Amino acid sequence: MIGDVLPTTPNESPNWHRLRHAIRSTWPNRHGRSSDIATLVGCSGGADSVALIRLLAELWAEESNALAPANEAAAKPVAPLVVAHCNHGLRGEESNADEAFVRQLCEQLQLPLVVHHVAQPSESATTGPPSDERTLRGIRRDFFERTAKQHGCRYVAVAHSADDQAETMLHHFIRGTGPLGLAGIAEVSELNTDIVLRRPLLQVRRGTLRAGLREIGQTWREDASNQHTVYTRNWIRHDVLPLIESRYPNAVEAIHRAGTLQHELNEMMRRLAERWLEAFTDFSDDRWIIRTQRLSQSTNPERGTVDTDTTCDWMFERPVIVAASQLAWDRLGWSRGSMTMQHWQRLSGLINDRSSWHTSSGATPADKADDGIDHGGHFPGGICVSIETEQLVLRSE
């Protein structure tokens, strides 16, 4: 049973009241209840994740109390609400203090807690523990997925805020990311076919979360490393974004809106890419087969006719081919981590190079330049391209 939560009123806690309304409006409601689906909540001990736990705990408690009949023993229980904390051990006693804080919070709210301690290297090890953000994020993601499965949770909730969204999009922008990166963080995404990752606070400002916690007297932990602007993400948070907001006060909302529009464009591109894959390619074991004969015939799926001039047709547009290639990588389980935009564009060029469609079977595309970059038929992750009879074949070596 979830512990009792002190009620609040709009007059006493206006920010917290708005947050409660926000969580109700964004959290799925099935048959009049939001607490019908088992949920795992990631908590670092920071303000954002503490606010998310408190908000979901209140929601679960309210619905449990509202549905309790006179005979409390016959009350229908709400689905589990489980908390997950990952102790990376990177800050010594501070990391352990974070864990202790989360344990105390879960005891107060009577919520089950699962803690994962990241294995630390031995004293004789030549390398230290993983510390780059991508690796740490992958560790947490695997932990959340594994724990959600163990506890039968359909949802995993994490506490990214509107500020996180703006910082992420700015970071992606200055790195020259592609369309997917420019859309920022998705509010809903899949961890796997059975588990959904939800970010219900993605439209809430970080300052509002902290103000709400202060109103209800809830403390949180601060990670001192988040203040170090030597890290690009922290530099954007503490220096760049405040400077932008000094001239454009609504910058975070505007950036968030731009991400939403980009997401809509990405969804349209995904649908075109899926049609491209269905029309011109096949999959066999660990191979992606591009039927160049179908491309050369240039059958237009919308009109069902053969076009004589297709150089400007959507099926030969590079963004469509790149998006289709990325979907193919995902379908085959090939890692996209080392594939840069340059690689995707080169692959699109190979697919669009009609002169290679009639090259002898078994050949590989020739190198185009001597600049230290493989311009031929090899790509990161051991993926190679070969030319066979009226088809290009990509396979994992």
Protein backbone atom coordinates (compact mmCIF):
# COMPACT_ATOMS: atom_id res chain seq x y z
CA MET A 1 0.00 0.00 0.00
CA ILE A 2 1.23 3.46 -0.78
CA GLY A 3 1.85 5.64 2.25
CA ASP A 4 -0.42 8.49 3.20
CA VAL A 5 0.33 11.77 1.47
CA LEU A 6 -0.65 15.07 3.06
CA PRO A 7 -3.33 16.83 0.98
CA THR A 8 -2.56 20.21 -0.49
CA THR A 9 -4.79 23.04 -1.68
CA PRO A 10 -4.32 25.50 -4.56
CA ASN A 11 -4.00 28.43 -2.13
CA GLU A 12 -1.41 26.71 0.06
CA SER A 13 0.69 25.23 -2.73
CA PRO A 14 -0.11 26.79 -6.12
CA ASN A 15 2.92 25.34 -7.93
CA TRP A 16 2.37 21.87 -6.53
CA HIS A 17 -1.31 22.06 -7.41
CA ARG A 18 -0.39 22.90 -11.03
CA LEU A 19 2.04 19.98 -11.08
CA ARG A 20 -0.66 17.60 -9.86
CA HIS A 21 -2.92 18.82 -12.63
CA ALA A 22 -0.09 18.38 -15.16
CA ILE A 23 0.60 14.79 -14.14
CA ARG A 24 -3.09 13.92 -14.37
CA SER A 25 -3.38 15.43 -17.84
CA THR A 26 -0.32 13.64 -19.24
CA TRP A 27 -0.49 10.26 -17.51
CA PRO A 28 -2.56 7.59 -19.32
CA ASN A 29 -6.03 7.12 -17.91
CA ARG A 30 -7.62 3.73 -18.47
CA HIS A 31 -11.24 3.17 -17.43
CA GLY A 32 -11.11 6.28 -15.25
CA ARG A 33 -7.95 5.22 -13.41
CA SER A 34 -4.36 6.23 -14.01
CA SER A 35 -3.01 3.69 -11.53
CA ASP A 36 -4.24 0.62 -13.41
CA ILE A 37 -0.89 0.00 -15.11
CA ALA A 38 2.19 -1.14 -13.20
CA THR A 39 4.89 1.53 -13.37
CA LEU A 40 8.60 1.74 -12.58
CA VAL A 41 9.93 5.21 -11.69
CA GLY A 42 13.60 6.07 -12.06
CA CYS A 43 14.92 8.22 -9.22
CA SER A 44 18.39 9.70 -8.80
CA GLY A 45 17.47 11.70 -5.71
CA GLY A 46 17.53 14.98 -7.65
CA ALA A 47 14.67 17.47 -7.59
CA ASP A 48 13.04 16.41 -10.86
CA SER A 49 12.84 12.70 -10.10
CA VAL A 50 11.81 13.30 -6.48
CA ALA A 51 8.95 15.48 -7.73
CA LEU A 52 7.89 12.75 -10.16
CA ILE A 53 7.82 10.13 -7.40
CA ARG A 54 5.81 12.37 -5.09
CA LEU A 55 3.33 13.23 -7.85
CA LEU A 56 2.77 9.62 -8.92
CA ALA A 57 2.58 8.47 -5.29
CA GLU A 58 -0.15 11.04 -4.64
CA LEU A 59 -2.01 9.98 -7.77
CA TRP A 60 -1.84 6.30 -6.81
CA ALA A 61 -2.89 7.05 -3.20
CA GLU A 62 -5.83 9.24 -4.22
CA GLU A 63 -7.22 6.64 -6.61
CA SER A 64 -6.71 3.86 -4.10
CA ASN A 65 -8.59 5.80 -1.41
CA ALA A 66 -11.37 6.85 -3.80
CA LEU A 67 -12.04 3.27 -4.86
CA ALA A 68 -11.84 1.70 -1.41
CA PRO A 69 -15.25 0.30 -0.36
CA ALA A 70 -16.54 0.27 3.16
CA ASN A 71 -14.98 -3.17 3.53
CA GLU A 72 -11.34 -2.16 3.05
CA ALA A 73 -10.26 -5.78 2.71
CA ALA A 74 -12.29 -6.02 -0.50
CA ALA A 75 -10.69 -2.97 -2.08
CA LYS A 76 -9.26 -3.51 -5.53
CA PRO A 77 -5.51 -2.84 -5.25
CA VAL A 78 -3.85 -0.39 -7.57
CA ALA A 79 -1.12 -1.66 -9.86
CA PRO A 80 2.42 -1.63 -8.46
CA LEU A 81 4.41 1.60 -8.35
CA VAL A 82 8.09 0.65 -8.04
CA VAL A 83 11.11 2.94 -7.65
CA ALA A 84 14.49 2.19 -9.27
CA HIS A 85 17.78 3.84 -8.27
CA CYS A 86 21.11 3.30 -10.03
CA ASN A 87 24.19 3.91 -7.87
CA HIS A 88 27.06 4.45 -10.30
CA GLY A 89 29.49 4.95 -7.43
CA LEU A 90 31.27 7.78 -9.24
CA ARG A 91 31.15 10.27 -6.34
CA GLY A 92 32.09 8.01 -3.44
CA GLU A 93 30.20 8.85 -0.26
CA GLU A 94 28.03 11.35 -2.13
CA SER A 95 26.70 8.54 -4.33
CA ASN A 96 25.95 6.45 -1.24
CA ALA A 97 24.22 9.44 0.36
CA ASP A 98 22.02 9.75 -2.74
CA GLU A 99 21.03 6.11 -2.36
CA ALA A 100 20.30 6.53 1.36
CA PHE A 101 18.11 9.55 0.60
CA VAL A 102 16.08 7.63 -1.99
CA ARG A 103 15.70 4.71 0.44
CA GLN A 104 14.36 7.02 3.13
CA LEU A 105 11.94 8.65 0.68
CA CYS A 106 10.60 5.27 -0.44
CA GLU A 107 10.18 4.14 3.17
CA GLN A 108 8.24 7.33 3.89
CA LEU A 109 5.95 6.74 0.90
CA GLN A 110 5.86 2.95 1.45
CA LEU A 111 7.05 2.28 -2.08
CA PRO A 112 9.19 -0.71 -3.08
CA LEU A 113 12.72 0.20 -4.13
CA VAL A 114 15.20 -1.63 -6.34
CA VAL A 115 18.84 -0.45 -6.30
CA HIS A 116 21.52 -1.34 -8.81
CA HIS A 117 25.18 -0.90 -7.84
CA VAL A 118 27.41 -0.53 -10.87
CA ALA A 119 30.41 -2.83 -10.54
CA GLN A 120 33.58 -0.92 -9.75
CA PRO A 121 36.94 -1.93 -11.26
CA SER A 122 39.49 -3.68 -9.08
CA GLU A 123 42.52 -1.83 -7.74
CA SER A 124 44.68 -3.52 -10.35
CA ALA A 125 42.46 -2.43 -13.23
CA THR A 126 44.06 -0.08 -15.73
CA THR A 127 40.83 1.78 -16.49
CA GLY A 128 38.37 3.45 -14.17
CA PRO A 129 34.60 3.02 -14.04
CA PRO A 130 32.58 4.20 -17.03
CA SER A 131 31.90 7.90 -16.74
CA ASP A 132 30.79 9.21 -20.16
CA GLU A 133 27.14 10.14 -20.28
CA ARG A 134 26.22 7.78 -23.12
CA THR A 135 27.61 4.74 -21.28
CA LEU A 136 25.96 5.73 -18.00
CA ARG A 137 22.66 6.29 -19.78
CA GLY A 138 22.93 2.84 -21.35
CA ILE A 139 23.59 1.25 -17.93
CA ARG A 140 20.51 2.91 -16.45
CA ARG A 141 18.37 2.01 -19.44
CA ASP A 142 19.33 -1.67 -19.20
CA PHE A 143 18.69 -1.62 -15.45
CA PHE A 144 15.27 -0.01 -15.87
CA GLU A 145 14.28 -2.44 -18.61
CA ARG A 146 15.42 -5.47 -16.63
CA THR A 147 13.73 -4.31 -13.41
CA ALA A 148 10.47 -3.37 -15.15
CA LYS A 149 10.31 -6.85 -16.65
CA GLN A 150 10.97 -8.49 -13.28
CA HIS A 151 8.15 -6.53 -11.62
CA GLY A 152 5.69 -6.77 -14.50
CA CYS A 153 5.73 -3.03 -15.19
CA ARG A 154 4.36 -1.82 -18.50
CA TYR A 155 5.60 1.75 -18.01
CA VAL A 156 8.96 3.20 -17.03
CA ALA A 157 8.68 6.85 -15.97
CA VAL A 158 11.63 9.26 -15.93
CA ALA A 159 11.69 12.92 -14.98
CA HIS A 160 13.03 14.88 -17.94
CA SER A 161 11.74 18.46 -17.85
CA ALA A 162 11.16 21.18 -20.43
CA ASP A 163 14.60 22.56 -19.56
CA ASP A 164 16.16 19.16 -20.30
CA GLN A 165 14.40 19.22 -23.66
CA ALA A 166 15.74 22.67 -24.55
CA GLU A 167 19.28 21.80 -23.40
CA THR A 168 19.23 18.56 -25.38
CA MET A 169 18.03 20.26 -28.56
CA LEU A 170 20.64 23.02 -28.28
CA HIS A 171 23.34 20.42 -27.70
CA HIS A 172 22.20 18.43 -30.72
CA PHE A 173 22.01 21.57 -32.84
CA ILE A 174 25.59 22.71 -32.18
CA ARG A 175 26.82 19.18 -32.88
CA GLY A 176 25.14 19.22 -36.29
CA THR A 177 22.72 16.41 -35.56
CA GLY A 178 20.20 15.04 -38.05
CA PRO A 179 16.40 15.37 -38.06
CA LEU A 180 15.86 12.83 -35.28
CA GLY A 181 18.16 14.74 -32.93
CA LEU A 182 16.53 18.06 -33.76
CA ALA A 183 13.22 16.67 -32.49
CA GLY A 184 14.74 16.35 -29.03
CA ILE A 185 13.48 13.95 -26.39
CA ALA A 186 10.34 11.96 -27.14
CA GLU A 187 7.57 12.12 -24.56
CA VAL A 188 6.76 8.46 -25.21
CA SER A 189 9.08 5.82 -26.66
CA GLU A 190 9.64 2.07 -26.50
CA LEU A 191 12.22 0.34 -24.33
CA ASN A 192 11.13 -2.87 -26.03
CA THR A 193 7.93 -4.32 -27.45
CA ASP A 194 6.49 -4.81 -23.94
CA ILE A 195 7.75 -1.77 -22.03
CA VAL A 196 7.00 1.90 -22.73
CA LEU A 197 9.23 4.76 -21.56
CA ARG A 198 7.23 7.82 -20.50
CA ARG A 199 8.38 11.35 -19.65
CA PRO A 200 5.30 13.00 -18.11
CA LEU A 201 7.12 16.18 -17.00
CA LEU A 202 8.59 17.07 -20.38
CA GLN A 203 6.46 20.23 -20.64
CA VAL A 204 7.14 21.39 -17.08
CA ARG A 205 9.90 23.87 -16.21
CA ARG A 206 12.60 22.81 -13.77
CA GLY A 207 11.97 25.90 -11.64
CA THR A 208 8.31 24.97 -11.23
CA LEU A 209 9.26 21.50 -10.00
CA ARG A 210 11.60 22.92 -7.38
CA ALA A 211 9.12 25.56 -6.30
CA GLY A 212 6.47 22.88 -5.87
CA LEU A 213 8.77 20.72 -3.75
CA ARG A 214 9.57 23.68 -1.50
CA GLU A 215 5.85 24.32 -1.01
CA ILE A 216 5.28 20.81 0.35
CA GLY A 217 8.51 20.78 2.37
CA GLN A 218 10.16 18.05 0.31
CA THR A 219 13.96 18.10 0.08
CA TRP A 220 16.14 16.63 -2.66
CA ARG A 221 19.78 15.88 -3.42
CA GLU A 222 22.13 18.09 -5.43
CA ASP A 223 24.88 16.60 -7.61
CA ALA A 224 27.82 19.00 -7.35
CA SER A 225 29.20 17.77 -10.68
CA ASN A 226 26.19 19.32 -12.41
CA GLN A 227 27.70 22.74 -11.68
CA HIS A 228 30.94 22.08 -13.58
CA THR A 229 30.66 24.00 -16.85
CA VAL A 230 33.65 22.15 -18.30
CA TYR A 231 30.99 19.67 -19.45
CA THR A 232 29.12 20.90 -22.52
CA ARG A 233 25.69 19.99 -21.17
CA ASN A 234 26.31 21.96 -17.96
CA TRP A 235 27.73 24.89 -19.94
CA ILE A 236 24.52 25.00 -21.97
CA ARG A 237 22.43 24.78 -18.78
CA HIS A 238 24.23 27.42 -16.72
CA ASP A 239 25.63 29.81 -19.34
CA VAL A 240 24.10 29.45 -22.81
CA LEU A 241 20.41 28.97 -22.07
CA PRO A 242 20.19 31.75 -19.43
CA LEU A 243 21.90 34.12 -21.89
CA ILE A 244 19.35 33.23 -24.58
CA GLU A 245 16.47 33.66 -22.12
CA SER A 246 17.76 37.11 -21.12
CA ARG A 247 16.91 38.25 -24.66
CA TYR A 248 14.10 35.77 -25.41
CA PRO A 249 12.23 34.99 -22.15
CA ASN A 250 10.05 32.34 -23.82
CA ALA A 251 12.98 30.57 -25.47
CA VAL A 252 12.45 27.22 -23.73
CA GLU A 253 8.82 27.08 -24.81
CA ALA A 254 9.78 28.10 -28.37
CA ILE A 255 12.51 25.45 -28.57
CA HIS A 256 10.06 22.86 -27.26
CA ARG A 257 7.54 23.90 -29.93
CA ALA A 258 10.18 23.58 -32.65
CA GLY A 259 10.96 20.07 -31.44
CA THR A 260 7.29 19.12 -31.63
CA LEU A 261 7.07 20.35 -35.24
CA GLN A 262 10.26 18.48 -36.15
CA HIS A 263 8.84 15.33 -34.57
CA GLU A 264 5.78 15.61 -36.82
CA LEU A 265 8.03 15.91 -39.88
CA ASN A 266 10.05 12.92 -38.70
CA GLU A 267 6.88 10.85 -38.41
CA MET A 268 5.96 11.73 -42.00
CA MET A 269 9.48 10.78 -43.13
CA ARG A 270 9.24 7.50 -41.23
CA ARG A 271 6.05 6.58 -43.08
CA LEU A 272 7.71 7.35 -46.44
CA ALA A 273 10.77 5.33 -45.39
CA GLU A 274 8.61 2.34 -44.49
CA ARG A 275 6.92 2.53 -47.90
CA TRP A 276 10.36 2.71 -49.55
CA LEU A 277 11.52 -0.41 -47.69
CA GLU A 278 8.36 -2.29 -48.61
CA ALA A 279 8.54 -1.29 -52.27
CA PHE A 280 12.22 -1.80 -53.03
CA THR A 281 13.87 -4.05 -50.43
CA ASP A 282 13.75 -7.43 -48.75
CA PHE A 283 15.29 -8.87 -45.59
CA SER A 284 16.86 -12.31 -45.29
CA ASP A 285 18.58 -13.46 -42.09
CA ASP A 286 21.27 -10.82 -41.50
CA ARG A 287 21.06 -9.33 -44.98
CA TRP A 288 19.36 -6.25 -46.36
CA ILE A 289 18.66 -6.68 -50.07
CA ILE A 290 17.94 -3.62 -52.21
CA ARG A 291 16.25 -4.68 -55.46
CA THR A 292 17.77 -2.27 -57.96
CA GLN A 293 15.58 -3.70 -60.72
CA ARG A 294 12.52 -2.39 -58.89
CA LEU A 295 14.19 0.99 -58.51
CA SER A 296 15.11 1.10 -62.19
CA GLN A 297 11.52 0.33 -63.15
CA SER A 298 10.55 3.24 -60.89
CA THR A 299 7.09 2.03 -60.08
CA ASN A 300 5.23 4.83 -58.35
CA PRO A 301 3.29 3.28 -55.41
CA GLU A 302 0.71 6.08 -55.55
CA ARG A 303 -0.17 5.79 -59.23
CA GLY A 304 0.86 2.23 -59.97
CA THR A 305 2.52 3.33 -63.22
CA VAL A 306 6.04 3.35 -64.57
CA ASP A 307 7.58 6.83 -64.67
CA THR A 308 10.02 7.70 -67.44
CA ASP A 309 11.59 10.55 -65.50
CA THR A 310 11.95 9.85 -61.77
CA THR A 311 15.00 11.93 -60.92
CA CYS A 312 12.86 14.18 -58.72
CA ASP A 313 10.51 11.48 -57.46
CA TRP A 314 10.30 11.02 -53.68
CA MET A 315 11.81 7.52 -53.83
CA PHE A 316 15.18 8.91 -54.93
CA GLU A 317 15.31 11.74 -52.39
CA ARG A 318 18.29 11.36 -50.07
CA PRO A 319 16.38 12.05 -46.80
CA VAL A 320 13.95 9.23 -47.61
CA ILE A 321 16.75 6.77 -48.41
CA VAL A 322 18.67 7.75 -45.26
CA ALA A 323 15.57 7.30 -43.10
CA ALA A 324 14.85 3.94 -44.75
CA SER A 325 18.45 2.82 -44.18
CA GLN A 326 18.23 3.71 -40.50
CA LEU A 327 15.03 1.69 -40.18
CA ALA A 328 16.76 -1.23 -41.89
CA TRP A 329 19.67 -1.02 -39.42
CA ASP A 330 17.21 -1.14 -36.53
CA ARG A 331 15.26 -4.04 -37.99
CA LEU A 332 18.44 -6.11 -38.35
CA GLY A 333 19.76 -5.14 -34.94
CA TRP A 334 22.85 -3.42 -36.36
CA SER A 335 24.38 -0.74 -34.17
CA ARG A 336 23.97 2.82 -35.43
CA GLY A 337 26.31 4.25 -32.80
CA SER A 338 29.31 4.74 -35.12
CA MET A 339 27.32 5.68 -38.21
CA THR A 340 27.72 9.41 -38.81
CA MET A 341 25.61 11.50 -41.16
CA GLN A 342 28.50 11.27 -43.62
CA HIS A 343 28.14 7.47 -43.60
CA TRP A 344 24.38 7.63 -44.15
CA GLN A 345 24.80 10.08 -47.01
CA ARG A 346 27.48 7.91 -48.60
CA LEU A 347 25.20 4.87 -48.36
CA SER A 348 22.40 6.87 -49.96
CA GLY A 349 24.80 7.79 -52.77
CA LEU A 350 25.66 4.14 -53.37
CA ILE A 351 21.99 3.20 -53.51
CA ASN A 352 21.28 6.08 -55.89
CA ASP A 353 24.32 5.36 -58.11
CA ARG A 354 22.51 3.82 -61.06
CA SER A 355 25.79 3.11 -62.86
CA SER A 356 26.59 0.49 -60.19
CA TRP A 357 23.29 -1.33 -60.63
CA HIS A 358 24.63 -3.21 -63.63
CA THR A 359 28.15 -3.87 -62.33
CA SER A 360 29.28 -7.50 -62.38
CA SER A 361 27.90 -9.71 -59.63
CA GLY A 362 30.01 -10.03 -56.50
CA ALA A 363 31.74 -6.67 -56.87
CA THR A 364 31.92 -4.02 -54.17
CA PRO A 365 31.61 -0.28 -54.75
CA ALA A 366 34.98 1.27 -55.55
CA ASP A 367 36.73 3.78 -53.35
CA LYS A 368 36.29 7.35 -54.58
CA ALA A 369 39.07 9.25 -52.81
CA ASP A 370 42.24 8.84 -50.80
CA ASP A 371 41.41 10.94 -47.75
CA GLY A 372 41.60 8.30 -45.05
CA ILE A 373 37.87 7.62 -45.23
CA ASP A 374 36.47 4.41 -46.66
CA HIS A 375 34.37 5.56 -49.61
CA GLY A 376 33.73 2.03 -50.78
CA GLY A 377 31.35 -0.64 -49.61
CA HIS A 378 32.33 -0.89 -45.93
CA PHE A 379 30.60 0.81 -43.02
CA PRO A 380 31.11 0.91 -39.23
CA GLY A 381 30.06 -2.17 -37.30
CA GLY A 382 31.36 -4.59 -39.91
CA ILE A 383 28.62 -3.84 -42.45
CA CYS A 384 29.63 -4.32 -46.09
CA VAL A 385 27.87 -3.73 -49.41
CA SER A 386 28.20 -6.02 -52.40
CA ILE A 387 26.72 -5.76 -55.88
CA GLU A 388 24.87 -8.83 -57.09
CA THR A 389 22.55 -9.47 -60.00
CA GLU A 390 20.15 -6.52 -60.09
CA GLN A 391 20.52 -5.92 -56.37
CA LEU A 392 22.69 -4.35 -53.67
CA VAL A 393 23.23 -6.57 -50.64
CA LEU A 394 24.26 -5.29 -47.22
CA ARG A 395 25.39 -7.85 -44.66
CA SER A 396 27.19 -8.05 -41.35
CA GLU A 397 30.66 -9.51 -41.70
